[in-house]
Amino acid sequence: AGAFEALCRSVREFKPPPAAVRCAECTWPDVGTLGDFDLIVGSDLVYSAAGARAFASIVGKLLRAGKAAECLYAHTAERWGSSG
């Protein structure tokens, strides 16, 4: 199973089940259809300056407005020989 499937399985199997937690996989065009979130977690999603700008815009649209919302993002520097 891939990372997303493993994450969803962990959320489902957590005891007690976190009723307010959901997993959502999306592509850039899907953003307007997902609703809003209190927390976004991601890793290694951006590979160019243009992608970084798009990512920042999308995160701003997905985080719940007017609430204490966060985005946690990790990126592996110099992965595959790039200066990421």
C-alpha atoms as a PDB file:
ATOM      1  CA  ALA A   1       0.000   0.000   0.000  1.00  0.00           C
ATOM      2  CA  GLY A   2       1.098   3.539  -0.639  1.00  0.00           C
ATOM      3  CA  ALA A   3       1.602   6.276   1.933  1.00  0.00           C
ATOM      4  CA  PHE A   4      -1.895   7.729   1.487  1.00  0.00           C
ATOM      5  CA  GLU A   5      -3.571   4.358   1.939  1.00  0.00           C
ATOM      6  CA  ALA A   6      -1.472   3.692   5.053  1.00  0.00           C
ATOM      7  CA  LEU A   7      -2.463   7.079   6.499  1.00  0.00           C
ATOM      8  CA  CYS A   8      -6.173   6.416   5.901  1.00  0.00           C
ATOM      9  CA  ARG A   9      -5.882   2.960   7.472  1.00  0.00           C
ATOM     10  CA  SER A  10      -4.187   4.456  10.556  1.00  0.00           C
ATOM     11  CA  VAL A  11      -6.965   7.032  10.924  1.00  0.00           C
ATOM     12  CA  ARG A  12      -9.668   4.331  10.632  1.00  0.00           C
ATOM     13  CA  GLU A  13      -7.942   2.023  13.132  1.00  0.00           C
ATOM     14  CA  PHE A  14      -7.198   4.692  15.756  1.00  0.00           C
ATOM     15  CA  LYS A  15      -9.005   4.018  19.053  1.00  0.00           C
ATOM     16  CA  PRO A  16     -11.211   5.801  19.868  1.00  0.00           C
ATOM     17  CA  PRO A  17     -11.957   6.677  16.244  1.00  0.00           C
ATOM     18  CA  PRO A  18     -11.382  10.371  15.526  1.00  0.00           C
ATOM     19  CA  ALA A  19     -14.811  11.379  14.205  1.00  0.00           C
ATOM     20  CA  ALA A  20     -13.600  14.784  13.022  1.00  0.00           C
ATOM     21  CA  VAL A  21     -10.560  13.447  11.135  1.00  0.00           C
ATOM     22  CA  ARG A  22     -10.707  12.628   7.448  1.00  0.00           C
ATOM     23  CA  CYS A  23      -8.165  11.933   4.754  1.00  0.00           C
ATOM     24  CA  ALA A  24      -8.442  13.643   1.389  1.00  0.00           C
ATOM     25  CA  GLU A  25      -6.254  12.990  -1.619  1.00  0.00           C
ATOM     26  CA  CYS A  26      -6.403  15.598  -4.355  1.00  0.00           C
ATOM     27  CA  THR A  27      -4.805  16.994  -7.449  1.00  0.00           C
ATOM     28  CA  TRP A  28      -4.316  20.733  -7.937  1.00  0.00           C
ATOM     29  CA  PRO A  29      -7.637  21.214  -9.812  1.00  0.00           C
ATOM     30  CA  ASP A  30      -9.617  19.457  -7.023  1.00  0.00           C
ATOM     31  CA  VAL A  31      -8.995  22.189  -4.452  1.00  0.00           C
ATOM     32  CA  GLY A  32     -12.319  23.981  -4.797  1.00  0.00           C
ATOM     33  CA  THR A  33     -14.285  20.787  -4.141  1.00  0.00           C
ATOM     34  CA  LEU A  34     -12.695  19.627  -0.875  1.00  0.00           C
ATOM     35  CA  GLY A  35     -14.068  22.084   1.694  1.00  0.00           C
ATOM     36  CA  ASP A  36     -11.860  23.581   4.368  1.00  0.00           C
ATOM     37  CA  PHE A  37      -9.505  22.086   6.931  1.00  0.00           C
ATOM     38  CA  ASP A  38      -8.066  22.879  10.369  1.00  0.00           C
ATOM     39  CA  LEU A  39      -4.864  20.947   9.631  1.00  0.00           C
ATOM     40  CA  ILE A  40      -3.032  20.045   6.442  1.00  0.00           C
ATOM     41  CA  VAL A  41      -0.051  17.671   6.524  1.00  0.00           C
ATOM     42  CA  GLY A  42       2.168  17.123   3.492  1.00  0.00           C
ATOM     43  CA  SER A  43       5.632  16.061   2.459  1.00  0.00           C
ATOM     44  CA  ASP A  44       7.711  16.480  -0.695  1.00  0.00           C
ATOM     45  CA  LEU A  45       4.869  18.012  -2.724  1.00  0.00           C
ATOM     46  CA  VAL A  46       6.719  20.895  -4.399  1.00  0.00           C
ATOM     47  CA  TYR A  47       9.526  20.600  -6.946  1.00  0.00           C
ATOM     48  CA  SER A  48       9.768  24.063  -8.564  1.00  0.00           C
ATOM     49  CA  ALA A  49       9.315  27.769  -7.819  1.00  0.00           C
ATOM     50  CA  ALA A  50       6.022  27.740  -9.749  1.00  0.00           C
ATOM     51  CA  GLY A  51       4.869  24.713  -7.744  1.00  0.00           C
ATOM     52  CA  ALA A  52       5.756  26.485  -4.479  1.00  0.00           C
ATOM     53  CA  ARG A  53       3.623  29.493  -5.457  1.00  0.00           C
ATOM     54  CA  ALA A  54       0.695  27.243  -6.431  1.00  0.00           C
ATOM     55  CA  PHE A  55       1.067  25.233  -3.216  1.00  0.00           C
ATOM     56  CA  ALA A  56       0.975  28.370  -1.039  1.00  0.00           C
ATOM     57  CA  SER A  57      -2.164  29.573  -2.820  1.00  0.00           C
ATOM     58  CA  ILE A  58      -3.891  26.211  -2.487  1.00  0.00           C
ATOM     59  CA  VAL A  59      -3.046  25.840   1.197  1.00  0.00           C
ATOM     60  CA  GLY A  60      -4.486  29.308   1.778  1.00  0.00           C
ATOM     61  CA  LYS A  61      -7.739  28.220   0.124  1.00  0.00           C
ATOM     62  CA  LEU A  62      -7.982  24.945   2.065  1.00  0.00           C
ATOM     63  CA  LEU A  63      -7.243  26.169   5.591  1.00  0.00           C
ATOM     64  CA  ARG A  64     -10.355  27.093   7.573  1.00  0.00           C
ATOM     65  CA  ALA A  65     -10.752  30.872   7.495  1.00  0.00           C
ATOM     66  CA  GLY A  66     -10.987  32.639  10.840  1.00  0.00           C
ATOM     67  CA  LYS A  67      -9.927  29.580  12.839  1.00  0.00           C
ATOM     68  CA  ALA A  68      -6.667  28.380  14.364  1.00  0.00           C
ATOM     69  CA  ALA A  69      -5.576  26.365  11.320  1.00  0.00           C
ATOM     70  CA  GLU A  70      -2.127  24.990  10.479  1.00  0.00           C
ATOM     71  CA  CYS A  71      -0.194  23.484   7.608  1.00  0.00           C
ATOM     72  CA  LEU A  72       2.673  21.129   8.462  1.00  0.00           C
ATOM     73  CA  TYR A  73       4.978  20.526   5.523  1.00  0.00           C
ATOM     74  CA  ALA A  74       8.275  18.644   5.267  1.00  0.00           C
ATOM     75  CA  HIS A  75      10.617  18.694   2.310  1.00  0.00           C
ATOM     76  CA  THR A  76      13.742  16.658   1.672  1.00  0.00           C
ATOM     77  CA  ALA A  77      16.483  19.041   0.572  1.00  0.00           C
ATOM     78  CA  GLU A  78      18.720  17.892  -2.274  1.00  0.00           C
ATOM     79  CA  ARG A  79      16.669  14.775  -2.957  1.00  0.00           C
ATOM     80  CA  TRP A  80      17.644  13.045  -6.208  1.00  0.00           C
ATOM     81  CA  GLY A  81      20.545  15.445  -6.682  1.00  0.00           C
ATOM     82  CA  SER A  82      18.431  18.610  -6.903  1.00  0.00           C
ATOM     83  CA  SER A  83      18.734  21.626  -4.626  1.00  0.00           C
ATOM     84  CA  GLY A  84      14.992  21.324  -3.601  1.00  0.00           C
END
